[in-house]
């Protein structure tokens, strides 16, 4: 991938296959960006702990920013119109931190997918069992 200068984002090119290729592309873009401040290849366990703590804080803050875009105040009678563009950007901010967290944990796209599918099955099994 060509080195980017300044705050310029890389241009996305998507495979006609879509799906998994797009996730791989998102993973690559986020990892390349994050490598500017996180040395993924040389992280010790203490480094991983540090960065995972930072990423979890970022995720919580982004979740709070998403919540602020909703009508979460049940006691407030005046409801604001949802700004779906802002909401989408807050969701993308969260996704960026999830991908970065996965990179810190040493996960690749395939492992992320497999862990996701395993967890989905656990959730389905729990629901079926009345959880």
N, C-alpha and C. Protein backbone atom coordinates (compact mmCIF):
# COMPACT_ATOMS: atom_id res chain seq x y z
N UNK A 1 0.85 -1.18 0.00
CA UNK A 1 0.00 0.00 0.00
C UNK A 1 0.89 1.23 0.00
N UNK A 2 0.51 2.20 -0.79
CA UNK A 2 1.25 3.45 -0.89
C UNK A 2 1.21 4.21 0.43
N UNK A 3 2.35 4.75 0.84
CA UNK A 3 2.42 5.54 2.06
C UNK A 3 1.59 6.81 1.90
N UNK A 4 0.76 7.10 2.88
CA UNK A 4 -0.10 8.28 2.85
C UNK A 4 0.59 9.43 3.58
N UNK A 5 0.32 10.62 3.14
CA UNK A 5 0.88 11.80 3.80
C UNK A 5 -0.24 12.57 4.48
N UNK A 6 0.10 13.25 5.55
CA UNK A 6 -0.87 14.06 6.25
C UNK A 6 -2.05 13.25 6.77
N UNK A 7 -3.23 13.85 6.69
CA UNK A 7 -4.43 13.19 7.20
C UNK A 7 -5.24 12.56 6.07
N UNK A 8 -4.61 12.38 4.93
CA UNK A 8 -5.27 11.83 3.76
C UNK A 8 -5.56 10.34 3.96
N UNK A 9 -6.81 9.93 3.78
CA UNK A 9 -7.18 8.52 3.92
C UNK A 9 -6.87 7.78 2.62
N UNK A 10 -6.49 6.50 2.72
CA UNK A 10 -6.25 5.73 1.50
C UNK A 10 -7.55 5.56 0.73
N UNK A 11 -7.44 5.46 -0.59
CA UNK A 11 -8.60 5.23 -1.43
C UNK A 11 -8.95 3.75 -1.40
N UNK A 12 -10.21 3.45 -1.15
CA UNK A 12 -10.66 2.07 -1.07
C UNK A 12 -10.91 1.50 -2.46
N UNK A 13 -10.47 0.29 -2.66
CA UNK A 13 -10.81 -0.43 -3.88
C UNK A 13 -11.41 -1.75 -3.43
N UNK A 14 -12.57 -2.05 -3.93
CA UNK A 14 -13.29 -3.23 -3.48
C UNK A 14 -13.35 -4.29 -4.55
N UNK A 15 -13.24 -5.50 -4.13
CA UNK A 15 -13.38 -6.64 -5.02
C UNK A 15 -14.85 -6.84 -5.36
N UNK A 16 -15.14 -7.29 -6.58
CA UNK A 16 -16.54 -7.56 -6.90
C UNK A 16 -17.13 -8.68 -6.05
N UNK A 17 -16.28 -9.47 -5.41
CA UNK A 17 -16.77 -10.54 -4.53
C UNK A 17 -17.44 -9.95 -3.30
N UNK A 18 -17.00 -8.75 -2.89
CA UNK A 18 -17.61 -8.08 -1.73
C UNK A 18 -17.27 -8.75 -0.42
N UNK A 19 -18.22 -8.71 0.52
CA UNK A 19 -18.15 -9.36 1.82
C UNK A 19 -16.81 -9.45 2.49
N UNK A 20 -16.26 -10.66 2.49
CA UNK A 20 -15.03 -10.94 3.22
C UNK A 20 -13.88 -10.08 2.72
N UNK A 21 -13.80 -9.85 1.41
CA UNK A 21 -12.74 -9.00 0.86
C UNK A 21 -12.85 -7.59 1.41
N UNK A 22 -14.06 -7.12 1.59
CA UNK A 22 -14.25 -5.78 2.13
C UNK A 22 -13.81 -5.71 3.59
N UNK A 23 -14.12 -6.74 4.35
CA UNK A 23 -13.66 -6.78 5.74
C UNK A 23 -12.14 -6.80 5.79
N UNK A 24 -11.52 -7.60 4.92
CA UNK A 24 -10.05 -7.62 4.87
C UNK A 24 -9.49 -6.25 4.52
N UNK A 25 -10.14 -5.55 3.60
CA UNK A 25 -9.70 -4.22 3.21
C UNK A 25 -9.82 -3.24 4.38
N UNK A 26 -10.93 -3.28 5.09
CA UNK A 26 -11.13 -2.42 6.26
C UNK A 26 -10.07 -2.72 7.32
N UNK A 27 -9.80 -4.00 7.54
CA UNK A 27 -8.80 -4.43 8.52
C UNK A 27 -7.43 -3.87 8.13
N UNK A 28 -7.08 -4.01 6.85
CA UNK A 28 -5.79 -3.53 6.37
C UNK A 28 -5.65 -2.02 6.52
N UNK A 29 -6.68 -1.28 6.11
CA UNK A 29 -6.63 0.18 6.23
C UNK A 29 -6.46 0.60 7.69
N UNK A 30 -7.24 0.02 8.59
CA UNK A 30 -7.18 0.41 10.00
C UNK A 30 -5.84 0.03 10.61
N UNK A 31 -5.35 -1.16 10.29
CA UNK A 31 -4.06 -1.58 10.83
C UNK A 31 -2.94 -0.68 10.33
N UNK A 32 -2.94 -0.34 9.05
CA UNK A 32 -1.92 0.56 8.50
C UNK A 32 -1.96 1.92 9.17
N UNK A 33 -3.16 2.43 9.42
CA UNK A 33 -3.29 3.71 10.11
C UNK A 33 -2.78 3.59 11.55
N UNK A 34 -3.21 2.56 12.26
CA UNK A 34 -2.87 2.40 13.67
C UNK A 34 -1.39 2.11 13.89
N UNK A 35 -0.74 1.50 12.90
CA UNK A 35 0.70 1.22 13.04
C UNK A 35 1.53 2.48 13.15
N UNK A 36 0.95 3.62 12.85
CA UNK A 36 1.68 4.89 13.01
C UNK A 36 1.95 5.19 14.49
N UNK A 37 1.17 4.57 15.40
CA UNK A 37 1.38 4.80 16.82
C UNK A 37 1.37 3.53 17.67
N UNK A 38 1.02 2.39 17.10
CA UNK A 38 1.04 1.13 17.85
C UNK A 38 1.95 0.15 17.11
N UNK A 39 3.07 -0.26 17.73
CA UNK A 39 4.00 -1.19 17.06
C UNK A 39 3.52 -2.64 17.18
N UNK A 40 2.51 -3.02 16.38
CA UNK A 40 1.88 -4.34 16.49
C UNK A 40 2.87 -5.50 16.50
N UNK A 41 3.93 -5.40 15.70
CA UNK A 41 4.87 -6.52 15.54
C UNK A 41 5.73 -6.77 16.77
N UNK A 42 5.84 -5.77 17.67
CA UNK A 42 6.74 -5.93 18.81
C UNK A 42 6.03 -5.74 20.16
N UNK A 43 4.72 -5.97 20.21
CA UNK A 43 3.99 -5.76 21.45
C UNK A 43 4.28 -6.85 22.48
N UNK A 44 4.63 -6.43 23.67
CA UNK A 44 4.77 -7.37 24.78
C UNK A 44 3.37 -7.56 25.40
N UNK A 45 3.25 -8.47 26.34
CA UNK A 45 1.96 -8.65 27.01
C UNK A 45 1.56 -7.37 27.75
N UNK A 46 2.53 -6.69 28.34
CA UNK A 46 2.24 -5.42 29.03
C UNK A 46 1.76 -4.36 28.03
N UNK A 47 2.38 -4.34 26.84
CA UNK A 47 1.94 -3.41 25.80
C UNK A 47 0.51 -3.73 25.35
N UNK A 48 0.24 -5.01 25.16
CA UNK A 48 -1.11 -5.42 24.76
C UNK A 48 -2.13 -4.98 25.80
N UNK A 49 -1.79 -5.18 27.08
CA UNK A 49 -2.68 -4.77 28.16
C UNK A 49 -2.94 -3.26 28.09
N UNK A 50 -1.86 -2.49 27.91
CA UNK A 50 -1.96 -1.04 27.82
C UNK A 50 -2.87 -0.63 26.66
N UNK A 51 -2.61 -1.16 25.47
CA UNK A 51 -3.39 -0.75 24.30
C UNK A 51 -4.82 -1.26 24.32
N UNK A 52 -5.04 -2.46 24.86
CA UNK A 52 -6.41 -2.96 24.96
C UNK A 52 -7.22 -2.13 25.95
N UNK A 53 -6.57 -1.69 27.01
CA UNK A 53 -7.25 -0.78 27.96
C UNK A 53 -7.59 0.53 27.26
N UNK A 54 -6.66 1.06 26.48
CA UNK A 54 -6.92 2.31 25.75
C UNK A 54 -8.05 2.13 24.74
N UNK A 55 -8.02 1.02 24.00
CA UNK A 55 -9.05 0.76 22.99
C UNK A 55 -10.42 0.57 23.63
N UNK A 56 -10.47 -0.10 24.79
CA UNK A 56 -11.77 -0.29 25.45
C UNK A 56 -12.32 1.05 25.94
N UNK A 57 -11.45 1.93 26.38
CA UNK A 57 -11.89 3.27 26.78
C UNK A 57 -12.41 4.03 25.56
N UNK A 58 -11.70 3.93 24.47
CA UNK A 58 -12.15 4.60 23.24
C UNK A 58 -13.51 4.05 22.80
N UNK A 59 -13.70 2.75 22.89
CA UNK A 59 -14.98 2.15 22.52
C UNK A 59 -16.11 2.66 23.41
N UNK A 60 -15.84 2.75 24.70
CA UNK A 60 -16.87 3.27 25.61
C UNK A 60 -17.21 4.72 25.28
N UNK A 61 -16.22 5.52 24.97
CA UNK A 61 -16.46 6.92 24.66
C UNK A 61 -17.24 7.05 23.34
N UNK A 62 -16.89 6.23 22.36
CA UNK A 62 -17.61 6.27 21.09
C UNK A 62 -19.05 5.79 21.27
N UNK A 63 -19.26 4.80 22.15
CA UNK A 63 -20.62 4.34 22.44
C UNK A 63 -21.42 5.48 23.09
N UNK A 64 -20.77 6.23 23.97
CA UNK A 64 -21.44 7.37 24.60
C UNK A 64 -21.78 8.44 23.57
N UNK A 65 -20.87 8.67 22.61
CA UNK A 65 -21.15 9.64 21.55
C UNK A 65 -22.33 9.19 20.69
N UNK A 66 -22.41 7.89 20.41
CA UNK A 66 -23.55 7.36 19.67
C UNK A 66 -24.84 7.56 20.47
N UNK A 67 -24.78 7.26 21.75
CA UNK A 67 -25.96 7.43 22.60
C UNK A 67 -26.43 8.88 22.59
N UNK A 68 -25.52 9.83 22.58
CA UNK A 68 -25.88 11.25 22.56
C UNK A 68 -26.64 11.63 21.30
N UNK A 69 -26.49 10.85 20.25
CA UNK A 69 -27.21 11.13 19.00
C UNK A 69 -28.64 10.59 19.01
N UNK A 70 -29.01 9.88 20.08
CA UNK A 70 -30.35 9.31 20.19
C UNK A 70 -31.18 10.11 21.19
N UNK A 71 -32.44 9.74 21.30
CA UNK A 71 -33.35 10.36 22.26
C UNK A 71 -33.40 9.52 23.54
N UNK A 72 -32.26 9.39 24.19
CA UNK A 72 -32.14 8.50 25.34
C UNK A 72 -32.74 9.07 26.63
N UNK A 73 -32.98 10.35 26.66
CA UNK A 73 -33.54 10.96 27.87
C UNK A 73 -35.05 10.71 27.89
N UNK A 74 -35.46 9.70 28.63
CA UNK A 74 -36.87 9.30 28.66
C UNK A 74 -37.78 10.39 29.25
N UNK A 75 -37.21 11.25 30.07
CA UNK A 75 -38.00 12.29 30.74
C UNK A 75 -38.16 13.55 29.89
N UNK A 76 -37.47 13.62 28.78
CA UNK A 76 -37.50 14.81 27.94
C UNK A 76 -38.63 14.66 26.91
N UNK A 77 -39.55 15.62 26.90
CA UNK A 77 -40.71 15.51 26.01
C UNK A 77 -40.38 15.89 24.57
N UNK A 78 -39.48 16.85 24.38
CA UNK A 78 -39.11 17.26 23.02
C UNK A 78 -38.09 16.28 22.47
N UNK A 79 -38.45 15.63 21.39
CA UNK A 79 -37.56 14.65 20.78
C UNK A 79 -36.87 15.28 19.57
N UNK A 80 -35.59 15.04 19.47
CA UNK A 80 -34.86 15.57 18.31
C UNK A 80 -34.94 14.58 17.16
N UNK A 81 -34.78 15.09 15.96
CA UNK A 81 -34.74 14.25 14.77
C UNK A 81 -33.38 13.56 14.74
N UNK A 82 -33.39 12.27 14.48
CA UNK A 82 -32.13 11.53 14.41
C UNK A 82 -31.33 11.96 13.19
N UNK A 83 -30.04 12.20 13.41
CA UNK A 83 -29.13 12.53 12.32
C UNK A 83 -28.40 11.24 11.96
N UNK A 84 -28.93 10.51 10.98
CA UNK A 84 -28.38 9.19 10.65
C UNK A 84 -26.95 9.27 10.13
N UNK A 85 -26.57 10.38 9.52
CA UNK A 85 -25.17 10.52 9.07
C UNK A 85 -24.23 10.54 10.28
N UNK A 86 -24.57 11.33 11.30
CA UNK A 86 -23.74 11.36 12.51
C UNK A 86 -23.73 9.99 13.18
N UNK A 87 -24.88 9.34 13.23
CA UNK A 87 -24.98 8.02 13.84
C UNK A 87 -24.09 7.02 13.11
N UNK A 88 -24.11 7.05 11.79
CA UNK A 88 -23.26 6.14 11.01
C UNK A 88 -21.78 6.38 11.29
N UNK A 89 -21.39 7.65 11.40
CA UNK A 89 -19.99 7.95 11.69
C UNK A 89 -19.59 7.47 13.09
N UNK A 90 -20.48 7.58 14.04
CA UNK A 90 -20.17 7.09 15.40
C UNK A 90 -20.02 5.56 15.38
N UNK A 91 -20.86 4.89 14.61
CA UNK A 91 -20.73 3.43 14.49
C UNK A 91 -19.41 3.08 13.82
N UNK A 92 -19.00 3.83 12.81
CA UNK A 92 -17.72 3.56 12.13
C UNK A 92 -16.55 3.81 13.07
N UNK A 93 -16.66 4.84 13.91
CA UNK A 93 -15.60 5.07 14.90
C UNK A 93 -15.46 3.85 15.80
N UNK A 94 -16.58 3.27 16.22
CA UNK A 94 -16.53 2.08 17.07
C UNK A 94 -15.89 0.92 16.32
N UNK A 95 -16.29 0.74 15.08
CA UNK A 95 -15.73 -0.36 14.29
C UNK A 95 -14.21 -0.22 14.14
N UNK A 96 -13.75 1.00 13.94
CA UNK A 96 -12.30 1.23 13.82
C UNK A 96 -11.58 0.79 15.10
N UNK A 97 -12.15 1.08 16.26
CA UNK A 97 -11.52 0.68 17.51
C UNK A 97 -11.64 -0.83 17.76
N UNK A 98 -12.71 -1.44 17.29
CA UNK A 98 -12.84 -2.90 17.39
C UNK A 98 -11.75 -3.56 16.54
N UNK A 99 -11.57 -3.08 15.32
CA UNK A 99 -10.54 -3.65 14.44
C UNK A 99 -9.16 -3.44 15.04
N UNK A 100 -8.91 -2.26 15.56
CA UNK A 100 -7.62 -1.98 16.18
C UNK A 100 -7.40 -2.89 17.39
N UNK A 101 -8.43 -3.09 18.19
CA UNK A 101 -8.33 -4.00 19.34
C UNK A 101 -7.98 -5.42 18.88
N UNK A 102 -8.62 -5.86 17.80
CA UNK A 102 -8.34 -7.19 17.26
C UNK A 102 -6.87 -7.28 16.84
N UNK A 103 -6.36 -6.23 16.22
CA UNK A 103 -4.95 -6.22 15.80
C UNK A 103 -4.02 -6.29 17.02
N UNK A 104 -4.35 -5.54 18.06
CA UNK A 104 -3.54 -5.57 19.29
C UNK A 104 -3.54 -6.98 19.88
N UNK A 105 -4.67 -7.66 19.80
CA UNK A 105 -4.79 -9.02 20.34
C UNK A 105 -4.16 -10.06 19.41
N UNK A 106 -3.63 -9.61 18.28
CA UNK A 106 -2.95 -10.50 17.36
C UNK A 106 -3.89 -11.25 16.42
N UNK A 107 -5.13 -10.78 16.31
CA UNK A 107 -6.10 -11.45 15.45
C UNK A 107 -5.97 -10.98 14.00
N UNK A 108 -6.25 -11.90 13.09
CA UNK A 108 -6.38 -11.53 11.69
C UNK A 108 -7.86 -11.63 11.33
N UNK A 109 -8.19 -11.34 10.08
CA UNK A 109 -9.59 -11.33 9.66
C UNK A 109 -10.23 -12.70 9.82
N UNK A 110 -9.51 -13.75 9.45
CA UNK A 110 -10.05 -15.10 9.55
C UNK A 110 -10.36 -15.46 11.01
N UNK A 111 -9.44 -15.14 11.91
CA UNK A 111 -9.68 -15.45 13.33
C UNK A 111 -10.84 -14.62 13.88
N UNK A 112 -10.91 -13.35 13.49
CA UNK A 112 -12.03 -12.51 13.91
C UNK A 112 -13.35 -13.12 13.45
N UNK A 113 -13.39 -13.55 12.20
CA UNK A 113 -14.60 -14.17 11.65
C UNK A 113 -14.95 -15.45 12.41
N UNK A 114 -13.97 -16.32 12.63
CA UNK A 114 -14.22 -17.58 13.33
C UNK A 114 -14.71 -17.34 14.76
N UNK A 115 -14.09 -16.40 15.45
CA UNK A 115 -14.52 -16.07 16.82
C UNK A 115 -15.95 -15.51 16.81
N UNK A 116 -16.25 -14.68 15.82
CA UNK A 116 -17.59 -14.12 15.70
C UNK A 116 -18.61 -15.23 15.50
N UNK A 117 -18.32 -16.14 14.57
CA UNK A 117 -19.27 -17.22 14.27
C UNK A 117 -19.45 -18.14 15.49
N UNK A 118 -18.38 -18.40 16.23
CA UNK A 118 -18.48 -19.21 17.45
C UNK A 118 -19.36 -18.52 18.47
N UNK A 119 -19.16 -17.22 18.66
CA UNK A 119 -19.95 -16.46 19.63
C UNK A 119 -21.41 -16.37 19.21
N UNK A 120 -21.67 -16.22 17.92
CA UNK A 120 -23.06 -16.19 17.44
C UNK A 120 -23.74 -17.52 17.77
N UNK A 121 -23.03 -18.63 17.57
CA UNK A 121 -23.62 -19.94 17.89
C UNK A 121 -23.92 -20.06 19.38
N UNK A 122 -23.00 -19.58 20.22
CA UNK A 122 -23.23 -19.59 21.67
C UNK A 122 -24.49 -18.79 22.00
N UNK A 123 -24.64 -17.62 21.38
CA UNK A 123 -25.81 -16.78 21.64
C UNK A 123 -27.10 -17.46 21.18
N UNK A 124 -27.08 -18.11 20.02
CA UNK A 124 -28.24 -18.84 19.53
C UNK A 124 -28.59 -19.98 20.49
N UNK A 125 -27.57 -20.70 20.94
CA UNK A 125 -27.80 -21.81 21.87
C UNK A 125 -28.38 -21.30 23.19
N UNK A 126 -27.89 -20.19 23.68
CA UNK A 126 -28.42 -19.59 24.92
C UNK A 126 -29.88 -19.21 24.74
N UNK A 127 -30.20 -18.57 23.62
CA UNK A 127 -31.57 -18.15 23.37
C UNK A 127 -32.49 -19.35 23.28
N UNK A 128 -32.05 -20.40 22.62
CA UNK A 128 -32.84 -21.62 22.48
C UNK A 128 -33.08 -22.27 23.85
N UNK A 129 -32.10 -22.13 24.75
CA UNK A 129 -32.22 -22.72 26.07
C UNK A 129 -32.98 -21.82 27.06
N UNK A 130 -33.47 -20.66 26.58
CA UNK A 130 -34.24 -19.79 27.45
C UNK A 130 -33.41 -18.79 28.23
N UNK A 131 -32.20 -18.55 27.84
CA UNK A 131 -31.29 -17.61 28.52
C UNK A 131 -31.82 -16.22 28.47
